[in-house]
Protein backbone atom coordinates (compact mmCIF):
# COMPACT_ATOMS: atom_id res chain seq x y z
CA MET A 1 11.40 0.71 17.31
CA ALA A 2 12.94 -1.77 15.14
CA PRO A 3 12.57 -1.77 11.37
CA ALA A 4 9.75 -4.09 10.26
CA SER A 5 12.30 -6.16 8.17
CA THR A 6 14.15 -7.10 11.36
CA LEU A 7 11.18 -7.98 13.65
CA GLY A 8 10.68 -11.54 14.79
CA VAL A 9 7.40 -13.65 14.03
CA PHE A 10 5.67 -12.66 17.21
CA ALA A 11 6.85 -9.01 17.28
CA THR A 12 5.61 -8.71 13.81
CA LEU A 13 2.22 -10.24 14.78
CA ARG A 14 2.15 -7.93 17.99
CA ARG A 15 2.97 -4.80 15.74
CA ALA A 16 0.20 -5.82 13.25
CA ALA A 17 -2.36 -6.18 16.12
CA GLN A 18 -1.30 -2.64 17.06
CA VAL A 19 -1.83 -1.39 13.57
CA SER A 20 -5.05 -3.22 13.11
CA PRO A 21 -6.64 -3.61 16.55
CA GLU A 22 -9.95 -4.78 15.06
CA LEU A 23 -8.09 -8.15 14.58
CA LEU A 24 -8.35 -8.74 18.19
CA ASP A 25 -12.16 -7.63 18.62
CA GLY A 26 -14.11 -10.26 20.63
CA LEU A 27 -11.20 -12.65 20.69
CA THR A 28 -11.79 -13.84 24.27
CA VAL A 29 -15.36 -15.05 23.20
CA THR A 30 -13.88 -16.41 19.91
CA LEU A 31 -11.44 -18.49 21.79
CA ALA A 32 -14.10 -19.81 24.26
CA LEU A 33 -16.21 -21.02 21.23
CA ALA A 34 -13.25 -22.44 19.60
CA LEU A 35 -12.28 -24.46 22.77
CA VAL A 36 -15.79 -25.90 22.79
CA ALA A 37 -15.58 -26.75 19.00
CA ALA A 38 -12.11 -28.53 19.69
CA THR A 39 -13.52 -30.33 22.73
CA ALA A 40 -16.48 -31.74 20.78
CA ARG A 41 -14.13 -33.37 18.50
CA VAL A 42 -12.88 -35.61 21.28
CA LEU A 43 -16.19 -36.97 21.73
CA VAL A 44 -15.88 -39.51 18.97
CA PRO A 45 -12.81 -41.27 20.82
CA ILE A 46 -14.61 -41.23 24.20
CA THR A 47 -17.81 -42.54 22.64
CA VAL A 48 -15.80 -45.40 20.84
CA GLN A 49 -14.02 -46.29 24.09
CA GLN A 50 -17.32 -46.13 26.32
CA THR A 51 -19.20 -48.10 23.73
CA VAL A 52 -16.74 -50.88 23.28
CA ASP A 53 -15.83 -51.30 26.98
CA THR A 54 -19.32 -50.74 28.65
CA ALA A 55 -21.80 -51.60 25.85
CA ILE A 56 -20.27 -54.12 23.36
CA LEU A 57 -18.10 -55.79 25.90
CA ALA A 58 -20.39 -55.60 28.69
CA PRO A 59 -20.05 -58.46 31.40
CA GLY A 60 -23.75 -59.32 30.66
CA GLY A 61 -23.51 -59.05 26.94
CA VAL A 62 -24.09 -56.23 24.33
CA ASP A 63 -26.19 -53.37 25.85
CA VAL A 64 -27.73 -51.98 22.59
CA SER A 65 -29.70 -49.17 24.51
CA ARG A 66 -26.58 -47.96 26.11
CA ALA A 67 -24.73 -47.81 22.84
CA ALA A 68 -27.48 -45.98 21.18
CA ALA A 69 -27.48 -43.39 24.23
CA LEU A 70 -23.84 -42.83 23.90
CA VAL A 71 -23.93 -42.49 20.24
CA GLY A 72 -26.95 -40.14 20.62
CA VAL A 73 -25.14 -37.87 23.13
CA ALA A 74 -21.98 -37.88 20.91
CA ALA A 75 -23.88 -36.73 17.83
CA LEU A 76 -25.69 -33.85 20.01
CA GLY A 77 -22.18 -32.71 21.20
CA LEU A 78 -20.82 -32.90 17.75
CA ALA A 79 -23.70 -30.73 16.41
CA VAL A 80 -23.06 -28.16 19.19
CA GLY A 81 -19.27 -28.23 18.37
CA ALA A 82 -20.14 -27.83 14.58
CA ALA A 83 -22.30 -24.77 15.44
CA CYS A 84 -19.46 -23.07 17.65
CA SER A 85 -16.95 -23.81 14.84
CA ALA A 86 -19.42 -21.97 12.39
CA VAL A 87 -19.69 -19.13 14.71
CA VAL A 88 -16.06 -18.92 15.31
CA ASN A 89 -15.43 -18.67 11.49
CA VAL A 90 -17.87 -15.88 11.09
CA ARG A 91 -16.55 -13.84 14.10
CA LEU A 92 -12.81 -14.36 12.77
CA PHE A 93 -14.08 -13.39 9.34
CA ARG A 94 -15.52 -10.30 10.39
CA SER A 95 -12.70 -9.18 12.64
CA SER A 96 -10.14 -10.07 10.21
CA GLU A 97 -12.02 -8.03 7.56
CA ALA A 98 -12.30 -5.01 9.64
CA GLY A 99 -8.61 -5.26 10.60
CA LEU A 100 -7.55 -5.65 6.97
CA LEU A 101 -9.81 -2.60 5.94
CA THR A 102 -7.99 -0.58 8.52
CA LEU A 103 -4.57 -1.87 7.36
CA ARG A 104 -5.41 -1.06 3.65
CA THR A 105 -6.74 2.26 4.43
CA ARG A 106 -3.76 3.24 6.64
CA ALA A 107 -1.09 1.99 4.07
CA PHE A 108 -2.85 3.80 1.27
CA ARG A 109 -3.11 7.11 3.22
CA HIS A 110 0.48 6.82 4.36
CA VAL A 111 1.63 6.23 0.73
CA HIS A 112 -0.16 9.49 -0.15
CA ASP A 113 1.39 11.42 2.84
CA LEU A 114 4.85 10.46 1.71
CA SER A 115 6.62 13.15 -0.15
CA VAL A 116 6.92 12.91 -3.89
CA LEU A 117 10.57 12.57 -3.39
CA THR A 118 10.06 9.46 -1.20
CA GLN A 119 7.52 8.02 -3.57
CA ASN A 120 9.83 8.39 -6.53
CA SER A 121 12.65 6.51 -4.48
CA GLU A 122 10.40 3.48 -4.62
CA ARG A 123 9.19 1.66 -7.69
CA ARG A 124 5.52 2.46 -8.06
CA GLY A 125 4.69 -1.25 -8.77
CA SER A 126 6.38 -2.13 -5.49
CA LEU A 127 4.13 0.38 -3.52
CA VAL A 128 1.02 -0.81 -5.27
CA SER A 129 2.13 -4.44 -4.37
CA ARG A 130 2.42 -3.76 -0.79
CA VAL A 131 -0.97 -2.05 -0.55
CA THR A 132 -2.81 -4.74 -2.67
CA SER A 133 -1.19 -8.25 -2.99
CA ASP A 134 0.65 -8.04 0.22
CA VAL A 135 -2.44 -7.32 2.23
CA ASP A 136 -4.32 -10.05 0.14
CA THR A 137 -1.60 -12.50 1.39
CA ILE A 138 -2.16 -11.32 4.84
CA SER A 139 -6.08 -11.78 4.29
CA MET A 140 -5.66 -15.32 3.05
CA PHE A 141 -3.93 -16.27 6.38
CA VAL A 142 -5.97 -14.40 8.70
CA GLN A 143 -9.17 -15.75 7.09
CA TRP A 144 -7.94 -19.52 6.78
CA GLY A 145 -4.79 -20.09 8.35
CA GLY A 146 -5.56 -18.10 11.37
CA ILE A 147 -8.84 -20.06 12.15
CA MET A 148 -7.07 -23.49 11.46
CA LEU A 149 -4.13 -22.44 13.72
CA LEU A 150 -6.30 -21.48 16.54
CA VAL A 151 -8.40 -24.72 16.30
CA SER A 152 -5.33 -26.91 15.73
CA VAL A 153 -3.60 -25.56 18.77
CA LEU A 154 -6.63 -26.16 20.78
CA GLN A 155 -7.28 -29.80 19.49
CA ILE A 156 -3.79 -30.63 20.21
CA PHE A 157 -4.17 -29.53 23.71
CA VAL A 158 -7.43 -31.18 24.36
CA ALA A 159 -5.98 -34.49 22.56
CA THR A 160 -2.95 -34.55 24.76
CA THR A 161 -4.89 -34.01 27.98
CA LEU A 162 -7.33 -36.93 27.12
CA MET A 163 -4.51 -39.16 25.82
CA ALA A 164 -2.75 -38.72 29.30
CA VAL A 165 -5.96 -39.75 31.03
CA TYR A 166 -6.15 -43.00 28.89
CA SER A 167 -2.48 -43.88 28.96
CA TRP A 168 0.24 -41.66 30.17
CA GLN A 169 3.01 -44.15 28.79
CA LEU A 170 1.49 -43.79 25.12
CA THR A 171 1.20 -40.11 25.45
CA LEU A 172 4.89 -39.69 26.35
CA LEU A 173 5.76 -42.18 23.51
CA VAL A 174 3.84 -39.90 20.99
CA TRP A 175 5.45 -36.83 22.13
CA ALA A 176 8.93 -38.31 22.00
CA CYS A 177 8.31 -39.30 18.42
CA PHE A 178 7.31 -35.47 17.73
CA LEU A 179 9.86 -33.54 19.83
CA PRO A 180 12.61 -34.14 17.21
CA LEU A 181 10.37 -32.64 14.57
CA MET A 182 9.32 -29.78 16.75
CA VAL A 183 13.02 -28.93 17.39
CA VAL A 184 14.03 -28.98 13.74
CA LEU A 185 10.78 -27.38 12.48
CA PRO A 186 11.61 -23.74 13.73
CA ARG A 187 14.84 -23.81 12.07
CA MET A 188 13.11 -24.92 8.85
CA GLN A 189 10.55 -22.32 9.12
CA LYS A 190 13.13 -19.66 9.39
CA GLY A 191 14.40 -20.91 5.96
CA VAL A 192 10.81 -20.79 4.71
CA ASN A 193 10.51 -17.26 6.17
CA ARG A 194 13.60 -16.12 4.19
CA ARG A 195 12.47 -17.73 1.01
CA TYR A 196 9.07 -16.03 1.24
CA ALA A 197 10.48 -12.63 1.86
CA ALA A 198 12.55 -13.31 -1.23
CA VAL A 199 9.22 -14.17 -3.21
CA ARG A 200 7.45 -10.94 -2.07
CA GLU A 201 10.47 -8.93 -3.13
CA ARG A 202 10.55 -10.66 -6.55
CA TYR A 203 6.73 -10.11 -6.96
CA GLY A 204 6.98 -6.50 -6.32
CA ALA A 205 9.87 -6.26 -8.86
CA MET A 206 7.66 -7.99 -11.26
CA LEU A 207 4.77 -5.74 -10.72
CA GLY A 208 6.96 -2.69 -11.14
CA ALA A 209 8.47 -3.95 -14.54
CA VAL A 210 5.08 -4.89 -15.82
CA SER A 211 3.42 -1.70 -14.91
CA GLU A 212 6.39 0.42 -16.51
CA ALA A 213 6.02 -1.51 -19.60
CA VAL A 214 2.27 -0.82 -19.88
CA VAL A 215 2.62 2.80 -19.05
CA GLY A 216 5.52 3.30 -21.43
CA ALA A 217 3.96 1.06 -24.20
CA GLU A 218 3.91 4.00 -26.74
CA THR A 219 7.70 4.82 -26.02
CA ILE A 220 8.54 1.01 -26.36
CA ARG A 221 6.81 0.70 -29.71
CA ALA A 222 8.43 4.04 -31.01
CA TYR A 223 12.00 2.91 -30.39
CA GLY A 224 11.28 -0.68 -31.42
CA VAL A 225 12.59 -2.21 -28.02
CA SER A 226 9.68 -4.52 -27.56
CA ALA A 227 12.14 -7.67 -27.54
CA ARG A 228 14.36 -5.97 -24.99
CA THR A 229 11.32 -5.06 -22.83
CA GLN A 230 10.02 -8.61 -23.07
CA ARG A 231 13.27 -9.97 -22.12
CA ARG A 232 13.19 -7.69 -18.99
CA ILE A 233 9.79 -8.82 -17.99
CA ASP A 234 10.58 -12.34 -18.73
CA ALA A 235 13.71 -12.16 -16.37
CA ALA A 236 11.32 -10.67 -13.55
CA VAL A 237 8.84 -13.28 -14.09
CA THR A 238 11.36 -16.16 -14.09
CA ALA A 239 13.04 -14.58 -10.98
CA THR A 240 9.60 -14.63 -9.26
CA ARG A 241 9.00 -18.36 -10.26
CA ARG A 242 12.36 -19.42 -9.09
CA ALA A 243 11.94 -17.80 -5.79
CA MET A 244 8.50 -19.44 -5.37
CA VAL A 245 9.71 -22.79 -6.40
CA ARG A 246 12.58 -22.53 -3.91
CA ALA A 247 10.11 -21.67 -1.21
CA GLN A 248 7.65 -24.44 -2.06
CA THR A 249 10.49 -26.97 -2.37
CA LEU A 250 11.45 -26.34 1.43
CA VAL A 251 7.75 -26.27 2.27
CA ALA A 252 7.31 -29.89 0.78
CA VAL A 253 10.23 -31.01 2.69
CA VAL A 254 8.65 -29.95 5.93
CA PHE A 255 5.29 -31.15 5.10
CA SER A 256 6.78 -34.64 4.03
CA SER A 257 8.75 -34.78 7.32
CA GLY A 258 5.33 -34.21 9.23
CA VAL A 259 3.61 -36.75 7.34
CA LEU A 260 6.46 -39.20 7.95
CA VAL A 261 6.38 -38.64 11.64
CA ALA A 262 2.70 -38.87 11.89
CA ASN A 263 2.74 -42.30 10.28
CA LEU A 264 5.55 -43.63 12.30
CA VAL A 265 3.74 -42.50 15.41
CA LEU A 266 0.60 -44.18 14.50
CA ALA A 267 2.48 -47.43 13.87
CA VAL A 268 4.36 -47.21 17.09
CA VAL A 269 0.99 -46.69 19.03
CA VAL A 270 -0.42 -49.62 17.54
CA VAL A 271 2.46 -52.02 18.54
CA ALA A 272 2.89 -50.45 21.93
CA GLY A 273 -0.86 -50.08 22.61
CA THR A 274 -1.33 -53.86 21.73
CA TRP A 275 1.68 -54.69 24.10
CA LEU A 276 -0.01 -52.73 27.02
CA GLY A 277 -3.37 -54.33 26.32
CA VAL A 278 -2.05 -57.87 26.50
CA ALA A 279 -0.34 -56.85 29.69
CA GLY A 280 -3.75 -55.88 31.06
CA ASP A 281 -2.78 -52.08 31.40
CA LEU A 282 -5.28 -51.04 28.66
CA THR A 283 -8.80 -52.07 27.56
CA VAL A 284 -9.68 -52.61 24.05
CA GLY A 285 -11.80 -49.64 24.11
CA ARG A 286 -8.93 -47.33 25.43
CA VAL A 287 -6.55 -48.66 22.82
CA LEU A 288 -9.20 -47.81 20.08
CA ALA A 289 -9.97 -44.43 21.64
CA PHE A 290 -6.18 -43.74 21.93
CA LEU A 291 -5.72 -44.41 18.13
CA PHE A 292 -8.43 -41.93 17.36
CA LEU A 293 -6.87 -39.43 19.62
CA VAL A 294 -3.55 -40.02 18.01
CA GLN A 295 -5.24 -38.96 14.54
CA LEU A 296 -6.78 -36.02 16.23
CA PHE A 297 -3.22 -35.18 17.32
CA THR A 298 -1.28 -35.92 14.30
CA GLY A 299 -3.85 -34.34 11.81
CA PRO A 300 -3.04 -30.59 13.22
CA VAL A 301 0.56 -31.43 13.54
CA GLN A 302 0.55 -32.36 9.86
CA MET A 303 -1.62 -29.42 8.91
CA ALA A 304 0.49 -27.23 11.05
CA THR A 305 3.32 -27.16 8.14
CA GLU A 306 0.97 -25.85 5.75
CA ILE A 307 -0.51 -23.34 8.28
CA LEU A 308 3.06 -22.34 9.18
CA ASN A 309 3.88 -21.89 5.32
CA GLU A 310 0.83 -19.67 5.08
CA LEU A 311 1.88 -17.91 8.41
CA GLN A 312 5.46 -17.17 7.06
CA ASN A 313 3.99 -15.86 3.88
CA ALA A 314 1.69 -13.53 5.68
CA ILE A 315 4.54 -12.52 8.13
CA SER A 316 6.42 -11.31 4.92
CA GLY A 317 3.55 -9.36 3.64
CA TRP A 318 2.97 -7.83 6.99
CA ARG A 319 6.66 -6.82 7.18
CA ARG A 320 6.41 -5.05 3.90
CA VAL A 321 3.25 -3.37 4.71
CA LEU A 322 4.61 -2.25 8.05
CA GLY A 323 7.72 -1.15 6.21
CA VAL A 324 5.39 1.45 4.30
CA LEU A 325 3.65 2.50 7.40
CA GLU A 326 6.99 2.99 9.23
CA THR A 327 8.49 5.09 6.50
CA PRO A 328 8.92 8.48 7.98
CA VAL A 329 6.98 11.28 6.59
CA ASP A 330 9.56 13.78 5.71
CA VAL A 331 6.93 16.62 4.84
CA ALA A 332 5.00 16.34 8.14
CA GLU A 333 2.06 18.28 9.45
CA PRO A 334 2.90 21.05 11.68
CA GLY A 335 0.77 19.71 14.67
CA ASP A 336 -0.47 21.82 17.38
CA ASP A 337 1.84 24.80 16.55
CA ALA A 338 0.21 25.27 13.20
CA VAL A 339 -0.40 28.86 12.16
CA ALA A 340 -3.49 29.90 10.33
CA SER A 341 -3.08 30.93 6.84
CA PRO A 342 -6.13 33.08 5.79
CA ARG A 343 -7.12 33.68 2.13
CA GLY A 344 -6.19 36.80 0.33
CA PRO A 345 -3.12 38.26 -1.79
CA ALA A 346 -0.15 36.00 -1.06
CA SER A 347 3.49 37.22 -0.89
CA LEU A 348 6.31 34.59 -1.25
CA THR A 349 9.81 34.73 0.45
CA PHE A 350 12.81 32.65 0.03
CA ALA A 351 15.06 32.90 3.11
CA ASP A 352 18.60 31.72 2.61
CA VAL A 353 17.23 28.47 1.04
CA GLY A 354 19.46 25.74 0.29
CA TYR A 355 18.26 22.22 -0.93
CA ALA A 356 20.18 18.91 -1.84
CA TYR A 357 18.50 15.70 -2.79
CA PRO A 358 19.50 12.75 -0.63
CA ASP A 359 23.03 11.56 -1.39
CA GLY A 360 23.29 14.25 -3.91
CA PRO A 361 25.07 17.55 -4.25
CA PRO A 362 23.24 20.85 -3.60
CA VAL A 363 20.84 21.93 -6.22
CA LEU A 364 19.86 25.27 -4.62
CA ARG A 365 22.41 27.43 -2.61
CA ASP A 366 21.65 30.63 -0.48
CA VAL A 367 18.41 31.66 -2.40
CA ASP A 368 16.99 35.02 -1.16
CA LEU A 369 14.01 36.30 -2.91
CA HIS A 370 10.88 38.31 -2.21
CA VAL A 371 7.87 38.25 -4.24
CA ALA A 372 5.13 40.95 -3.42
CA ALA A 373 1.45 40.01 -3.40
CA GLY A 374 -0.05 40.16 -6.91
CA THR A 375 3.19 40.01 -8.69
CA SER A 376 3.78 37.95 -11.85
CA VAL A 377 7.25 36.28 -11.69
CA ALA A 378 8.95 34.26 -14.39
CA VAL A 379 11.85 32.11 -13.36
CA VAL A 380 14.37 31.40 -16.03
CA GLY A 381 17.71 29.43 -16.25
CA ALA A 382 19.39 26.50 -17.98
CA THR A 383 18.20 23.03 -17.50
CA GLY A 384 19.37 21.64 -14.22
CA SER A 385 19.73 25.15 -12.68
CA GLY A 386 17.17 24.39 -9.83
CA LYS A 387 13.97 26.32 -11.28
CA THR A 388 11.71 23.23 -10.82
CA THR A 389 13.01 22.59 -7.51
CA MET A 390 12.10 26.14 -6.26
CA ALA A 391 8.51 25.47 -7.52
CA LYS A 392 8.49 22.06 -5.56
CA LEU A 393 9.65 23.81 -2.38
CA VAL A 394 6.92 26.47 -2.68
CA ALA A 395 4.34 23.66 -3.29
CA ARG A 396 5.89 21.87 -0.11
CA PHE A 397 6.55 18.65 -2.01
CA MET A 398 9.82 18.72 -0.02
CA ASP A 399 11.33 21.00 2.62
CA PRO A 400 14.47 23.12 2.25
CA THR A 401 17.67 21.59 3.61
CA THR A 402 18.65 25.13 4.97
CA GLY A 403 16.66 28.24 5.37
CA ALA A 404 12.78 28.54 4.89
CA VAL A 405 10.26 29.33 2.34
CA LEU A 406 7.54 31.73 3.56
CA LEU A 407 3.96 32.51 2.62
CA ASP A 408 2.95 35.88 3.80
CA GLY A 409 5.89 35.71 6.25
CA VAL A 410 4.96 32.14 7.77
CA ASP A 411 7.12 29.24 7.34
CA LEU A 412 5.50 26.75 5.13
CA ARG A 413 6.38 24.03 7.72
CA ARG A 414 4.17 25.76 10.16
CA ILE A 415 0.96 25.89 7.85
CA ALA A 416 -1.49 22.91 7.81
CA SER A 417 -1.37 21.21 4.46
CA ALA A 418 -5.17 21.83 4.00
CA ASP A 419 -4.74 25.51 4.26
CA LEU A 420 -1.51 25.39 2.06
CA ARG A 421 -3.50 23.38 -0.77
CA ARG A 422 -6.35 26.04 -0.61
CA ARG A 423 -3.70 28.88 -1.17
CA VAL A 424 -1.18 27.36 -3.35
CA VAL A 425 -2.08 25.76 -6.63
CA LEU A 426 0.34 23.99 -8.86
CA VAL A 427 -0.11 23.46 -12.70
CA PRO A 428 2.35 21.07 -13.78
CA GLN A 429 3.94 20.94 -17.30
CA GLU A 430 1.93 17.56 -18.08
CA GLY A 431 -1.24 17.79 -16.28
CA PHE A 432 -2.37 14.27 -15.06
CA LEU A 433 -5.85 13.18 -16.07
CA PHE A 434 -8.00 10.57 -14.60
CA ASP A 435 -10.12 8.26 -16.77
CA GLY A 436 -13.50 9.99 -16.88
CA THR A 437 -15.09 13.00 -18.68
CA LEU A 438 -13.91 16.46 -19.05
CA THR A 439 -16.31 17.68 -16.21
CA GLU A 440 -15.08 15.05 -13.78
CA ASN A 441 -11.43 15.87 -14.46
CA VAL A 442 -11.97 19.75 -14.08
CA ALA A 443 -14.00 19.04 -11.00
CA TYR A 444 -10.79 17.70 -9.30
CA GLY A 445 -10.26 21.40 -8.43
CA LEU A 446 -13.28 21.42 -6.18
CA ARG A 447 -12.37 21.10 -2.61
CA ASP A 448 -15.81 20.17 -1.21
CA GLU A 449 -17.25 17.97 -3.74
CA ALA A 450 -16.74 14.28 -4.99
CA PRO A 451 -14.65 14.72 -8.12
CA THR A 452 -16.29 11.65 -9.82
CA GLY A 453 -19.82 9.90 -9.48
CA GLY A 454 -22.02 12.02 -7.50
CA LEU A 455 -21.40 15.71 -8.81
CA THR A 456 -24.19 17.96 -7.64
CA PRO A 457 -25.91 20.29 -10.43
CA ASP A 458 -24.42 23.10 -8.58
CA ALA A 459 -20.70 21.58 -8.87
CA VAL A 460 -21.33 20.93 -12.66
CA ALA A 461 -22.44 24.64 -13.06
CA ARG A 462 -19.40 25.66 -11.58
CA VAL A 463 -17.28 23.57 -13.62
CA GLU A 464 -19.07 25.20 -16.71
CA ARG A 465 -18.76 28.60 -15.49
CA VAL A 466 -14.87 28.24 -14.99
CA VAL A 467 -14.61 26.79 -18.51
CA ALA A 468 -16.51 29.84 -19.99
CA GLU A 469 -14.50 32.28 -17.89
CA LEU A 470 -11.20 30.88 -19.09
CA GLY A 471 -12.61 31.20 -22.89
CA LEU A 472 -12.46 27.54 -23.46
CA ASP A 473 -16.29 26.96 -24.15
CA THR A 474 -15.64 27.44 -27.87
CA TRP A 475 -13.11 24.75 -27.85
CA VAL A 476 -15.40 22.36 -25.70
CA ALA A 477 -18.24 23.07 -28.32
CA GLU A 478 -15.81 21.47 -31.01
CA LEU A 479 -15.52 18.08 -28.88
CA PRO A 480 -17.92 15.32 -29.91
CA ALA A 481 -19.60 15.33 -26.63
CA GLY A 482 -18.83 18.49 -25.11
CA MET A 483 -18.02 18.40 -21.48
CA ALA A 484 -19.06 14.66 -21.30
CA THR A 485 -16.42 13.70 -23.55
CA PRO A 486 -14.21 10.87 -22.12
CA VAL A 487 -10.42 11.69 -21.90
CA GLY A 488 -9.19 7.99 -21.71
CA GLN A 489 -6.59 6.81 -19.14
CA ARG A 490 -4.12 9.54 -18.32
CA GLY A 491 -5.83 11.64 -20.98
CA GLU A 492 -4.62 9.70 -23.94
CA LEU A 493 -7.68 10.61 -25.93
CA LEU A 494 -6.66 14.27 -25.85
CA SER A 495 -3.77 16.23 -27.27
CA ALA A 496 -1.06 17.70 -24.94
CA GLY A 497 -2.46 21.11 -25.39
CA GLU A 498 -6.02 20.01 -24.52
CA ARG A 499 -4.71 18.20 -21.40
CA GLN A 500 -3.11 21.45 -20.47
CA LEU A 501 -6.23 23.38 -20.81
CA ILE A 502 -8.07 21.09 -18.52
CA ALA A 503 -5.43 21.51 -15.90
CA LEU A 504 -5.81 25.38 -16.23
CA ALA A 505 -9.52 25.07 -15.76
CA ARG A 506 -8.91 22.64 -12.77
CA ALA A 507 -6.77 25.24 -11.34
CA ARG A 508 -9.16 28.09 -11.82
CA LEU A 509 -11.70 26.15 -10.14
CA ALA A 510 -9.35 25.56 -7.08
CA ASP A 511 -9.11 29.38 -6.93
CA GLY A 512 -5.76 29.43 -5.13
CA ASP A 513 -4.05 32.80 -3.94
CA LEU A 514 -0.51 31.82 -5.37
CA LEU A 515 -0.24 30.03 -8.67
CA LEU A 516 2.77 27.78 -9.58
CA LEU A 517 3.02 27.29 -13.40
CA ASP A 518 5.35 24.98 -15.07
CA GLU A 519 4.99 26.53 -18.53
CA ALA A 520 3.64 23.98 -21.13
CA THR A 521 3.42 25.74 -24.47
CA SER A 522 6.76 24.36 -25.88
CA ALA A 523 5.05 21.13 -27.18
CA VAL A 524 1.83 22.40 -28.39
CA ASP A 525 0.44 23.45 -31.73
CA PRO A 526 -0.03 27.34 -32.36
CA VAL A 527 -3.87 27.17 -31.91
CA ALA A 528 -3.54 25.32 -28.51
CA GLU A 529 -0.79 27.90 -27.45
CA VAL A 530 -3.11 30.79 -28.20
CA ARG A 531 -6.00 29.14 -26.15
CA ILE A 532 -3.53 28.41 -23.36
CA ALA A 533 -2.02 31.88 -23.31
CA ARG A 534 -5.49 33.49 -23.14
CA ALA A 535 -6.46 31.07 -20.43
CA LEU A 536 -3.36 31.75 -18.49
CA ARG A 537 -3.84 35.48 -18.58
CA GLU A 538 -7.32 34.91 -17.13
CA LEU A 539 -6.19 32.60 -14.67
CA ALA A 540 -3.24 34.76 -13.36
CA ARG A 541 -5.38 37.87 -12.97
CA GLY A 542 -5.15 39.36 -9.62
CA ARG A 543 -3.03 36.46 -8.23
CA THR A 544 0.67 36.06 -7.46
CA THR A 545 2.09 33.75 -9.98
CA LEU A 546 5.49 31.87 -10.05
CA THR A 547 6.22 30.55 -13.51
CA ILE A 548 8.89 28.27 -14.55
CA ALA A 549 9.46 29.76 -17.88
CA HIS A 550 10.73 27.87 -20.69
CA ARG A 551 10.10 30.44 -23.28
CA LEU A 552 11.49 34.04 -22.67
CA SER A 553 8.20 35.52 -24.23
CA THR A 554 6.90 34.58 -20.68
CA ALA A 555 9.74 36.56 -19.00
CA GLU A 556 9.02 39.48 -21.33
CA ALA A 557 5.36 39.75 -20.03
CA ALA A 558 6.28 39.06 -16.28
CA ASP A 559 6.38 41.80 -13.70
CA LEU A 560 9.56 40.33 -12.30
CA VAL A 561 12.30 37.92 -13.94
CA VAL A 562 14.35 35.66 -11.60
CA VAL A 563 17.42 34.25 -13.10
CA VAL A 564 18.71 30.99 -11.66
CA HIS A 565 22.17 29.75 -12.40
CA ALA A 566 23.91 26.60 -10.81
CA GLY A 567 21.41 26.75 -7.93
CA ARG A 568 21.69 30.33 -7.16
CA VAL A 569 19.63 33.33 -7.79
CA VAL A 570 21.96 35.55 -9.93
CA GLU A 571 19.58 38.26 -11.24
CA VAL A 572 16.31 39.73 -10.28
CA GLY A 573 14.71 42.68 -12.06
CA THR A 574 12.14 43.49 -14.88
CA HIS A 575 12.82 42.24 -18.49
CA ALA A 576 13.81 45.65 -19.66
CA ASP A 577 16.34 46.31 -16.68
CA LEU A 578 17.93 42.86 -17.04
CA VAL A 579 18.55 43.16 -20.90
CA ALA A 580 20.05 46.72 -20.22
CA ARG A 581 22.34 45.14 -17.62
CA GLY A 582 23.97 42.87 -20.22
CA ASP A 583 24.56 39.95 -17.78
CA HIS A 584 23.25 36.36 -17.76
CA TYR A 585 19.66 37.16 -18.71
CA ALA A 586 20.67 39.48 -21.54
CA ALA A 587 22.92 36.78 -23.09
CA MET A 588 20.07 34.20 -22.73
CA HIS A 589 17.48 36.62 -24.41
CA ALA A 590 19.80 37.40 -27.30
CA ALA A 591 20.28 33.83 -28.02
CA TRP A 592 16.76 33.15 -27.78
CA VAL A 593 15.93 35.94 -30.14
CA SER A 594 18.39 34.94 -32.50
CA GLN A 595 16.95 31.57 -32.90
CA THR A 596 13.14 32.47 -32.84
CA ARG A 597 12.81 35.91 -34.53
């Protein structure tokens, strides 16, 4: 399958219909109703022709009753057409909303299915733009442009057919005037397509720059770089404006061309129709009716430029959304060959594991390690040695380049993600908190309850019980509203230590068999450190734990110490054994002791 960015217009629309099949629901009935609505619009020219030729210019004089009857029939037909048009609008709106719901849901779900590494390779603002504003652009076309395009095409077809009935000579003349525009228009639309693709890219970059500035507002103020940040945002906004102006300029040229040709056609038809009428080939009524039909023909043609403008904008949005959906999931579900991973004491094995980030050098090489169930392991090493990468592999945020990571002897790639998340729980160094209360944030550790809005009394009781088990009830009692205390966006109303306490309570509630802990006591006050240490001891009891240790006091208390250096496991043993060995760990420990004690 070709990448979404290289698909043509019709290929993109076909692919979009495959992704959101609801867009085509009931399309046959909708087309039939649209044809009735378009046909009803030609009743006015037909009525004008019949009224003039058979009622006003009747051989015996004006026939008022016939004129009234013709007008009455036309009014009834127009009412039926208006009703059909309203039904068409409702049907297209419902099907488009259903299709866009599927598109939004699939795009959002796919973004979450992508690995952390893939997400980090894209600017978050760009991903948000694809799921929100790009889909909104599609929505504008489907709900307005799609309806107008459908009705306009049918109207042109019906008007052309009736024009040919009245005068094939004038019909050929009309099409001869519009053919040059129809030849040039596709080429101009390709230019519009390219320019609107640039608009979507610039818009995504602008959202990324703005979102980074909002999230990083504290750092921007702390370092006094507001002016520099403002210049960066101004540049992104200016680039978006320039791209939009360039696109709209070309659209204005296309639209003006359509208006010019439409007026030219009308003038030519008046002259040619008068000449044919004088020659006796056309009646007065037919000439007047043909002028009305030309208006019905040129109206959609003029509007087509605006519709095609919206279409090209929507196509650009569709391609970007399809680009997200077609991004391969590099951490895929195992499928039918999945192996059940029952709850219980967890053992962990690294079997000849190697890992290299895309386009980067290897960060892990030939890692062989076995951790028995119930063992407390501290992984130590210099910054950049590969400690965090090991934890990410165990959490299966990414898969090893070579070798395998095994849980109870089973390759993680063969374990369904639902089973893996039940058994392996990660506590990051900086726990992410959602805007809500303490209770709602801790409740994210629940696997069978909605974390916000609708927590059952049993779920709330479980949250409170876990907080008490970790010895955090005294801390909660000090808060102004207890467990109902709001944490703010990203937990900004709490300190770093308090955010970590909530993350630990969340992990306890998740009740995993294997804990991955990125130690977070290096940036907290002594009181918070004591609380975190006590909660960690309770959390780790009876479980296998793998801790990325930033302080060697953690290594001193661990059952097993793993020393990582330059991507390799160079030492494994107890704290006492490694100190006595006098190698890498002994040197690290001696340096740490000299600085802290």
